[in-house]
Amino acid sequence: MPTVERDGTELYYEATGHGETVAFVPDVGTGAWLWGWQHAALAGPYEAVVWNPRGTGESSRPRGDLSMRTFANDLDAIMKDHGASATHVVGCGLGAMVALEYARRKGRARKVVLLSGAARGDAYDPAPLFADPDDETACRESLACAFSDEFRDAHPDALDDVAAWRTMEDADRDDWEHQRAALEDWDAGALYEIDNEALVVDGGADPLVDDGAAAELADGLPRSERESFPDASHFVHAERSRPVNDAVLGFLDDTD
């Protein structure tokens, strides 16, 4: 994987495919594995860029609490190093908030896809999702808050795979807390000022994001559309990967 250094921190990223660039921003404490359900679908018609934020995968550990602006600046450094003058941004959870921050502050941002996101940090409580990456059993059990009962019962092998990936890439407790700190007191501000086209995707059975958070985004962003999956949980993009991928591709492909 290529690397870029910013403020003495090495950030690992990987680009696959051709076409317009789509950058993927993972949830708090998770590595690039989170995009395994989207990568193959988008890395072809688009150039998919995945990265490991500070404290995950092969990237350097954070030296203190992070802010949403730090995440956005890290992403921009990766885009600059990669030579991308413009990028669409797809984010999940905390990553959706980074996408909003990036859209507000960075000229490279084009369309944004907000998965299980919110307009305020206090509308999202990721605590139940944390697991010590040295404990594969805990990595699996904590997925109860990210996937619905229906999905977990139907796809036990997928949970085994995710647990194994988490042991290789996810942040430990200290680094997870440094990432989570970005949620504190964060607010996207006046949503009507963010005029990027936005796709809001949410699961109606998400226990981590406040009820109404997706509606607030969809209603407040002036150029938004919404796809809701009532029975899906926090990782809606994994549970409903086929319809979510169809929605994302249709959204990105639309030039009207």
Protein backbone atom coordinates (compact mmCIF):
# COMPACT_ATOMS: atom_id res chain seq x y z
CA MET A 1 0.00 0.00 0.00
CA PRO A 2 1.25 3.54 -0.71
CA THR A 3 1.88 5.82 2.24
CA VAL A 4 1.75 9.54 2.85
CA GLU A 5 3.24 11.36 5.83
CA ARG A 6 1.40 14.20 7.55
CA ASP A 7 2.52 15.82 10.79
CA GLY A 8 4.96 12.98 11.36
CA THR A 9 2.24 10.36 10.92
CA GLU A 10 2.32 7.69 8.21
CA LEU A 11 -1.03 6.96 6.59
CA TYR A 12 -1.52 3.86 4.46
CA TYR A 13 -3.94 3.82 1.56
CA GLU A 14 -4.69 1.80 -1.55
CA ALA A 15 -6.26 2.74 -4.89
CA THR A 16 -7.92 0.25 -7.24
CA GLY A 17 -9.80 0.67 -10.50
CA HIS A 18 -10.18 3.49 -12.99
CA GLY A 19 -12.48 6.44 -13.47
CA GLU A 20 -13.56 9.14 -11.03
CA THR A 21 -12.09 8.76 -7.55
CA VAL A 22 -14.23 7.56 -4.64
CA ALA A 23 -12.62 7.76 -1.19
CA PHE A 24 -13.96 5.52 1.59
CA VAL A 25 -13.75 6.66 5.23
CA PRO A 26 -14.29 3.91 7.83
CA ASP A 27 -16.10 4.06 11.16
CA VAL A 28 -14.42 4.77 14.48
CA GLY A 29 -11.62 2.30 15.19
CA THR A 30 -12.20 0.18 12.10
CA GLY A 31 -9.83 -0.52 9.25
CA ALA A 32 -10.29 -0.65 5.50
CA TRP A 33 -11.91 -4.10 5.84
CA LEU A 34 -15.18 -2.25 6.45
CA TRP A 35 -15.50 -1.66 2.71
CA GLY A 36 -15.20 -5.26 1.58
CA TRP A 37 -18.85 -5.24 0.50
CA GLN A 38 -18.48 -2.14 -1.69
CA HIS A 39 -14.96 -2.37 -3.04
CA ALA A 40 -15.54 -4.93 -5.79
CA ALA A 41 -18.73 -3.20 -6.96
CA LEU A 42 -17.16 0.25 -7.27
CA ALA A 43 -13.52 -0.50 -8.16
CA GLY A 44 -14.08 -0.81 -11.87
CA PRO A 45 -16.41 1.95 -12.96
CA TYR A 46 -14.67 4.12 -10.36
CA GLU A 47 -11.27 4.36 -8.72
CA ALA A 48 -11.78 3.22 -5.13
CA VAL A 49 -9.40 4.60 -2.50
CA VAL A 50 -9.44 2.97 0.93
CA TRP A 51 -7.21 3.96 3.84
CA ASN A 52 -6.35 3.13 7.40
CA PRO A 53 -6.90 6.14 9.67
CA ARG A 54 -4.47 6.81 12.50
CA GLY A 55 -4.34 3.88 14.89
CA THR A 56 -5.70 1.26 12.48
CA GLY A 57 -3.99 -1.18 10.14
CA GLU A 58 -0.46 -0.17 9.21
CA SER A 59 -0.95 3.56 9.78
CA SER A 60 0.86 5.28 12.64
CA ARG A 61 -0.78 5.57 16.04
CA PRO A 62 -2.29 8.93 17.03
CA ARG A 63 -0.31 10.92 19.56
CA GLY A 64 -3.40 12.30 21.23
CA ASP A 65 -7.09 12.92 20.75
CA LEU A 66 -8.15 13.50 17.16
CA SER A 67 -10.61 16.00 15.75
CA MET A 68 -12.91 15.79 12.76
CA ARG A 69 -10.71 18.37 11.09
CA THR A 70 -7.68 16.10 11.57
CA PHE A 71 -9.48 13.26 9.81
CA ALA A 72 -10.49 15.58 6.96
CA ASN A 73 -6.95 16.92 6.62
CA ASP A 74 -5.55 13.39 6.60
CA LEU A 75 -7.93 12.43 3.82
CA ASP A 76 -6.99 15.52 1.86
CA ALA A 77 -3.29 14.69 2.23
CA ILE A 78 -3.98 11.24 0.79
CA MET A 79 -5.91 12.70 -2.14
CA LYS A 80 -3.12 15.19 -2.82
CA ASP A 81 -0.46 12.48 -2.65
CA HIS A 82 -2.50 10.31 -4.98
CA GLY A 83 -2.95 13.15 -7.45
CA ALA A 84 -6.75 13.28 -7.24
CA SER A 85 -8.00 16.79 -7.94
CA ALA A 86 -11.55 15.78 -7.00
CA THR A 87 -13.15 12.91 -5.13
CA HIS A 88 -16.50 11.57 -4.08
CA VAL A 89 -16.51 10.53 -0.41
CA VAL A 90 -18.29 7.56 1.17
CA GLY A 91 -18.29 7.35 4.97
CA CYS A 92 -19.87 5.18 7.66
CA GLY A 93 -20.62 6.31 11.21
CA LEU A 94 -17.78 8.61 12.23
CA GLY A 95 -16.64 8.34 8.61
CA ALA A 96 -19.92 9.90 7.46
CA MET A 97 -19.20 12.86 9.71
CA VAL A 98 -15.69 13.12 8.25
CA ALA A 99 -17.33 13.19 4.81
CA LEU A 100 -19.49 16.13 5.91
CA GLU A 101 -16.47 17.93 7.36
CA TYR A 102 -14.56 17.28 4.15
CA ALA A 103 -17.42 18.56 2.01
CA ARG A 104 -17.61 21.76 4.05
CA ARG A 105 -13.89 22.49 4.15
CA LYS A 106 -12.20 20.95 1.12
CA GLY A 107 -12.54 21.93 -2.51
CA ARG A 108 -11.80 18.41 -3.75
CA ALA A 109 -15.10 17.05 -2.39
CA ARG A 110 -17.78 16.16 -4.90
CA LYS A 111 -20.71 13.89 -4.03
CA VAL A 112 -20.93 12.40 -0.53
CA VAL A 113 -22.53 9.16 0.63
CA LEU A 114 -23.45 9.17 4.33
CA LEU A 115 -24.00 5.72 5.82
CA SER A 116 -25.35 5.53 9.37
CA GLY A 117 -24.30 9.11 9.96
CA ALA A 118 -25.49 12.12 11.91
CA ALA A 119 -25.14 15.89 11.89
CA ARG A 120 -23.81 15.96 15.48
CA GLY A 121 -21.30 13.83 17.32
CA ASP A 122 -23.57 13.39 20.33
CA ALA A 123 -26.15 11.64 18.11
CA TYR A 124 -23.83 8.66 17.74
CA ASP A 125 -22.63 6.34 20.53
CA PRO A 126 -20.14 3.81 19.13
CA ALA A 127 -19.11 2.40 22.54
CA PRO A 128 -20.84 -1.00 22.12
CA LEU A 129 -18.92 -1.58 18.89
CA PHE A 130 -15.47 -1.53 20.50
CA ALA A 131 -13.63 -4.81 21.03
CA ASP A 132 -10.02 -5.53 21.92
CA PRO A 133 -8.41 -6.60 18.62
CA ASP A 134 -6.41 -9.20 20.55
CA ASP A 135 -9.67 -10.95 21.49
CA GLU A 136 -11.30 -12.47 18.40
CA THR A 137 -14.28 -13.71 20.40
CA ALA A 138 -15.00 -10.18 21.62
CA CYS A 139 -14.54 -8.88 18.08
CA ARG A 140 -17.31 -11.22 16.99
CA GLU A 141 -19.67 -10.75 19.94
CA SER A 142 -19.59 -6.95 19.72
CA LEU A 143 -20.97 -7.19 16.18
CA ALA A 144 -24.39 -7.72 17.77
CA CYS A 145 -24.80 -3.94 17.69
CA ALA A 146 -23.69 -3.61 14.07
CA PHE A 147 -25.69 -6.37 12.37
CA SER A 148 -29.33 -7.32 12.84
CA ASP A 149 -30.36 -10.61 14.43
CA GLU A 150 -31.64 -11.76 11.05
CA PHE A 151 -28.29 -11.15 9.36
CA ARG A 152 -26.26 -12.74 12.16
CA ASP A 153 -28.42 -15.88 12.11
CA ALA A 154 -28.25 -16.19 8.33
CA HIS A 155 -24.55 -15.39 7.86
CA PRO A 156 -22.44 -16.77 10.74
CA ASP A 157 -19.46 -17.28 8.42
CA ALA A 158 -19.49 -13.59 7.53
CA LEU A 159 -19.26 -12.70 11.22
CA ASP A 160 -16.29 -15.05 11.59
CA ASP A 161 -14.58 -13.28 8.69
CA VAL A 162 -15.27 -9.83 10.12
CA ALA A 163 -13.96 -10.85 13.54
CA ALA A 164 -10.73 -12.09 11.94
CA TRP A 165 -10.32 -8.87 9.95
CA ARG A 166 -10.86 -6.81 13.08
CA THR A 167 -7.99 -8.58 14.86
CA MET A 168 -5.69 -7.51 12.03
CA GLU A 169 -6.76 -3.89 11.48
CA ASP A 170 -8.90 -2.41 14.26
CA ALA A 171 -7.66 0.07 16.85
CA ASP A 172 -6.83 -0.91 20.41
CA ARG A 173 -8.56 0.82 23.33
CA ASP A 174 -6.22 3.83 23.53
CA ASP A 175 -6.27 4.54 19.80
CA TRP A 176 -10.02 3.91 19.63
CA GLU A 177 -10.58 6.51 22.34
CA HIS A 178 -8.35 8.98 20.48
CA GLN A 179 -10.53 8.52 17.40
CA ARG A 180 -13.79 8.65 19.32
CA ALA A 181 -12.76 12.01 20.77
CA ALA A 182 -13.48 13.53 17.35
CA LEU A 183 -17.19 13.09 18.07
CA GLU A 184 -17.10 15.26 21.19
CA ASP A 185 -18.71 18.65 20.64
CA TRP A 186 -18.64 18.13 16.87
CA ASP A 187 -21.45 19.68 14.88
CA ALA A 188 -21.77 19.82 11.10
CA GLY A 189 -23.10 23.36 11.38
CA ALA A 190 -25.72 24.76 9.05
CA LEU A 191 -26.49 21.86 6.73
CA TYR A 192 -28.02 24.15 4.12
CA GLU A 193 -24.55 25.58 3.52
CA ILE A 194 -23.25 22.18 2.31
CA ASP A 195 -24.36 22.13 -1.30
CA ASN A 196 -22.66 18.89 -2.34
CA GLU A 197 -25.02 16.25 -3.65
CA ALA A 198 -25.58 13.77 -0.82
CA LEU A 199 -26.99 10.27 -0.48
CA VAL A 200 -28.13 9.45 3.06
CA VAL A 201 -28.37 5.71 3.82
CA ASP A 202 -29.62 4.40 7.14
CA GLY A 203 -30.77 1.24 8.86
CA GLY A 204 -33.96 1.54 10.85
CA ALA A 205 -32.72 -0.95 13.46
CA ASP A 206 -29.44 0.89 14.15
CA PRO A 207 -29.00 1.03 17.97
CA LEU A 208 -25.97 3.32 17.84
CA VAL A 209 -27.33 6.36 16.00
CA ASP A 210 -30.18 8.46 17.36
CA ASP A 211 -33.61 8.04 15.83
CA GLY A 212 -34.21 10.88 13.43
CA ALA A 213 -30.53 11.46 12.63
CA ALA A 214 -30.88 10.32 9.02
CA ALA A 215 -34.03 12.37 8.54
CA GLU A 216 -32.24 15.43 9.92
CA LEU A 217 -29.47 14.99 7.37
CA ALA A 218 -31.82 14.31 4.47
CA ASP A 219 -34.06 17.25 5.36
CA GLY A 220 -31.22 19.66 6.09
CA LEU A 221 -28.88 19.01 3.18
CA PRO A 222 -30.27 20.94 0.20
CA ARG A 223 -29.24 18.45 -2.50
CA SER A 224 -29.87 15.15 -0.76
CA GLU A 225 -31.74 11.92 -1.29
CA ARG A 226 -32.33 9.11 1.16
CA GLU A 227 -32.36 5.31 1.10
CA SER A 228 -33.66 3.68 4.27
CA PHE A 229 -33.67 -0.02 5.18
CA PRO A 230 -36.01 -0.45 8.14
CA ASP A 231 -34.76 -3.86 9.33
CA ALA A 232 -31.02 -3.26 8.91
CA SER A 233 -28.62 -2.28 11.67
CA HIS A 234 -25.57 0.01 11.84
CA PHE A 235 -23.52 -1.66 9.11
CA VAL A 236 -26.40 -1.34 6.68
CA HIS A 237 -23.97 -1.25 3.74
CA ALA A 238 -22.91 -4.81 4.61
CA GLU A 239 -26.32 -6.22 5.53
CA ARG A 240 -27.99 -4.85 2.41
CA SER A 241 -24.91 -4.69 0.22
CA ARG A 242 -26.63 -5.33 -3.11
CA PRO A 243 -29.34 -2.65 -2.88
CA VAL A 244 -26.96 -0.24 -1.17
CA ASN A 245 -24.38 -0.71 -3.91
CA ASP A 246 -27.06 -0.21 -6.55
CA ALA A 247 -28.14 3.00 -4.82
CA VAL A 248 -24.57 4.28 -4.50
CA LEU A 249 -23.71 3.51 -8.12
CA GLY A 250 -26.93 5.08 -9.35
CA PHE A 251 -26.25 8.16 -7.26
CA LEU A 252 -22.65 8.52 -8.45
CA ASP A 253 -23.54 7.77 -12.07
CA ASP A 254 -26.32 10.36 -12.21
CA THR A 255 -25.08 13.44 -14.05
CA ASP A 256 -28.38 15.36 -14.13
